[in-house]
Amino acid sequence: MNPVNQFERLMGRYVSNWIGTELAVDQDEPIVWADLSCGYLQFYDLQSVFSDGTSEDWDAGLDDAGEHFMISLDASAVPLEIFDAYGDNFLRGRDVTELPTGRIELVKSVTGAYGQVVSVSLIIEGFEVTFSCGEAIWECDELVIVKPQEFVLVELAAH
């Protein structure tokens, strides 16, 4: 399948909620979680759940050759778990209420030099959400965005 086509199947679907395994932006004590005030959220796993009960997993990682970062989509039957971070764990599973729900009105994919999808933007009920391969890390008291990287980096902007 053409890598761009996998995202086109989202067009017109209704997102009822999002579930994610979130990765902290600063894993030192105290652990710091991103929020949209810094412009980004980041996930180890992210799942869109649709009104018909189906879901899709968003994944970032290397292509089959292990050479180029890409973002991909996979139909999922297994819902992600909700769990609190505990101890020195820098992952937590949660409902991602910051992301919009409703009808997906537009899907835009950006491909890299080797044909791999490096980012996808969805317009949902007038809000643009962009998914890319990256990581948000806290360095020297500021948030630094590293692209490409192996996590799902999410940016939300008004449309």
Protein backbone atom coordinates (compact mmCIF):
# COMPACT_ATOMS: atom_id res chain seq x y z
CA MET A 1 0.00 0.00 0.00
CA ASN A 2 1.17 3.51 -0.79
CA PRO A 3 2.17 4.99 2.62
CA VAL A 4 0.06 8.11 2.01
CA ASN A 5 -3.08 6.08 1.25
CA GLN A 6 -3.21 4.55 4.73
CA PHE A 7 -4.05 7.98 6.13
CA GLU A 8 -6.66 8.83 3.49
CA ARG A 9 -8.92 6.14 4.96
CA LEU A 10 -9.43 8.47 7.94
CA MET A 11 -11.28 11.06 5.84
CA GLY A 12 -14.87 11.53 7.01
CA ARG A 13 -14.54 9.30 10.07
CA TYR A 14 -15.69 10.47 13.51
CA VAL A 15 -13.12 10.46 16.31
CA SER A 16 -14.86 9.87 19.63
CA ASN A 17 -11.74 9.95 21.83
CA TRP A 18 -7.96 9.58 21.98
CA ILE A 19 -5.91 7.35 24.28
CA GLY A 20 -2.15 7.61 24.59
CA THR A 21 0.91 6.33 26.38
CA GLU A 22 2.56 9.66 27.04
CA LEU A 23 6.30 10.18 27.34
CA ALA A 24 7.60 12.81 29.80
CA VAL A 25 9.62 15.68 28.29
CA ASP A 26 11.95 15.76 31.31
CA GLN A 27 12.67 12.45 32.94
CA ASP A 28 14.71 13.87 35.83
CA GLU A 29 13.08 14.53 39.19
CA PRO A 30 10.56 16.04 39.19
CA ILE A 31 9.20 14.47 35.99
CA VAL A 32 7.78 17.09 33.60
CA TRP A 33 4.89 16.31 31.24
CA ALA A 34 4.30 18.37 28.11
CA ASP A 35 1.09 20.25 27.66
CA LEU A 36 -0.29 22.29 24.82
CA SER A 37 0.98 25.51 26.40
CA CYS A 38 4.41 24.40 25.18
CA GLY A 39 2.91 23.56 21.79
CA TYR A 40 3.43 19.80 21.79
CA LEU A 41 2.40 16.51 23.31
CA GLN A 42 4.45 13.35 22.78
CA PHE A 43 3.51 9.71 22.89
CA TYR A 44 5.10 6.31 22.86
CA ASP A 45 1.71 5.02 21.61
CA LEU A 46 -1.33 6.99 20.47
CA GLN A 47 -4.71 5.63 19.51
CA SER A 48 -7.67 7.31 17.85
CA VAL A 49 -10.99 5.68 18.76
CA PHE A 50 -13.88 6.14 16.33
CA SER A 51 -17.63 6.39 16.86
CA ASP A 52 -18.13 2.94 15.25
CA GLY A 53 -15.98 1.36 18.00
CA THR A 54 -12.89 0.76 15.83
CA SER A 55 -9.52 2.35 16.48
CA GLU A 56 -6.24 3.15 14.77
CA ASP A 57 -2.78 3.16 16.33
CA TRP A 58 -0.40 5.97 15.38
CA ASP A 59 3.21 4.86 15.39
CA ALA A 60 6.54 6.56 14.73
CA GLY A 61 9.68 4.63 14.01
CA LEU A 62 12.03 3.39 11.33
CA ASP A 63 10.90 2.03 7.96
CA ASP A 64 11.25 -1.69 7.12
CA ALA A 65 14.86 -1.17 6.05
CA GLY A 66 15.62 0.47 9.40
CA GLU A 67 16.98 3.59 7.74
CA HIS A 68 14.36 6.37 7.68
CA PHE A 69 11.93 7.62 10.31
CA MET A 70 8.27 7.51 9.36
CA ILE A 71 4.82 7.77 10.88
CA SER A 72 2.34 4.99 10.25
CA LEU A 73 -1.20 3.92 11.06
CA ASP A 74 -2.39 0.47 12.07
CA ALA A 75 -5.95 -0.75 12.62
CA SER A 76 -6.12 -1.91 16.23
CA ALA A 77 -8.46 -4.19 18.13
CA VAL A 78 -6.72 -3.76 21.49
CA PRO A 79 -7.41 -0.57 23.43
CA LEU A 80 -4.45 1.09 25.13
CA GLU A 81 -4.31 0.97 28.91
CA ILE A 82 -4.87 3.93 31.22
CA PHE A 83 -2.28 4.03 34.02
CA ASP A 84 -0.59 6.56 36.27
CA ALA A 85 3.14 7.07 36.18
CA TYR A 86 4.65 5.62 39.31
CA GLY A 87 8.09 5.77 40.89
CA ASP A 88 10.62 6.87 38.31
CA ASN A 89 8.42 5.80 35.37
CA PHE A 90 8.39 8.43 32.62
CA LEU A 91 5.40 6.90 30.80
CA ARG A 92 1.71 7.22 31.67
CA GLY A 93 -1.40 6.00 29.89
CA ARG A 94 -4.28 8.44 29.72
CA ASP A 95 -7.26 9.81 27.86
CA VAL A 96 -5.91 12.60 25.69
CA THR A 97 -8.65 15.19 26.14
CA GLU A 98 -6.58 18.00 24.64
CA LEU A 99 -7.09 16.62 21.12
CA PRO A 100 -10.27 17.41 19.22
CA THR A 101 -13.03 14.93 18.55
CA GLY A 102 -15.55 14.89 15.73
CA ARG A 103 -15.50 14.45 11.97
CA ILE A 104 -12.15 14.38 10.16
CA GLU A 105 -12.64 17.00 7.46
CA LEU A 106 -9.22 16.96 5.80
CA VAL A 107 -6.12 14.71 5.75
CA LYS A 108 -2.73 16.07 4.57
CA SER A 109 0.41 13.93 4.45
CA VAL A 110 4.01 15.04 3.97
CA THR A 111 6.49 12.55 2.57
CA GLY A 112 10.24 12.47 3.02
CA ALA A 113 12.92 12.07 0.37
CA TYR A 114 12.46 8.29 0.31
CA GLY A 115 8.66 8.26 0.06
CA GLN A 116 8.05 7.64 3.76
CA VAL A 117 5.34 9.68 5.51
CA VAL A 118 7.05 12.05 7.96
CA SER A 119 3.99 14.00 9.13
CA VAL A 120 0.22 13.95 8.85
CA SER A 121 -2.19 16.78 9.56
CA LEU A 122 -5.88 16.25 10.26
CA ILE A 123 -8.54 18.93 10.40
CA ILE A 124 -11.15 17.87 12.94
CA GLU A 125 -14.08 20.19 13.55
CA GLY A 126 -11.99 23.18 12.46
CA PHE A 127 -8.86 22.32 14.46
CA GLU A 128 -5.64 21.20 12.84
CA VAL A 129 -3.69 18.41 14.54
CA THR A 130 -0.26 17.46 13.18
CA PHE A 131 1.41 14.14 13.93
CA SER A 132 5.12 13.74 13.21
CA CYS A 133 8.15 11.65 14.14
CA GLY A 134 9.94 13.55 16.85
CA GLU A 135 10.69 14.12 20.48
CA ALA A 136 10.24 17.07 22.81
CA ILE A 137 12.95 17.19 25.47
CA TRP A 138 13.71 19.62 28.25
CA GLU A 139 17.26 20.98 28.01
CA CYS A 140 18.74 23.96 29.82
CA ASP A 141 15.32 25.18 30.98
CA GLU A 142 13.76 25.17 27.52
CA LEU A 143 11.82 22.75 25.35
CA VAL A 144 13.82 21.46 22.38
CA ILE A 145 12.13 19.64 19.48
CA VAL A 146 14.20 16.89 17.85
CA LYS A 147 13.05 15.62 14.43
CA PRO A 148 13.05 12.96 13.23
CA GLN A 149 12.81 10.68 16.23
CA GLU A 150 10.95 7.53 17.29
CA PHE A 151 7.98 9.04 19.13
CA VAL A 152 4.64 10.46 17.97
CA LEU A 153 4.90 14.22 18.39
CA VAL A 154 1.53 16.01 18.31
CA GLU A 155 0.95 19.70 17.65
CA LEU A 156 -2.49 21.35 17.83
CA ALA A 157 -3.22 24.65 16.11
CA ALA A 158 -6.50 26.49 15.48
CA HIS A 159 -7.68 26.26 11.88
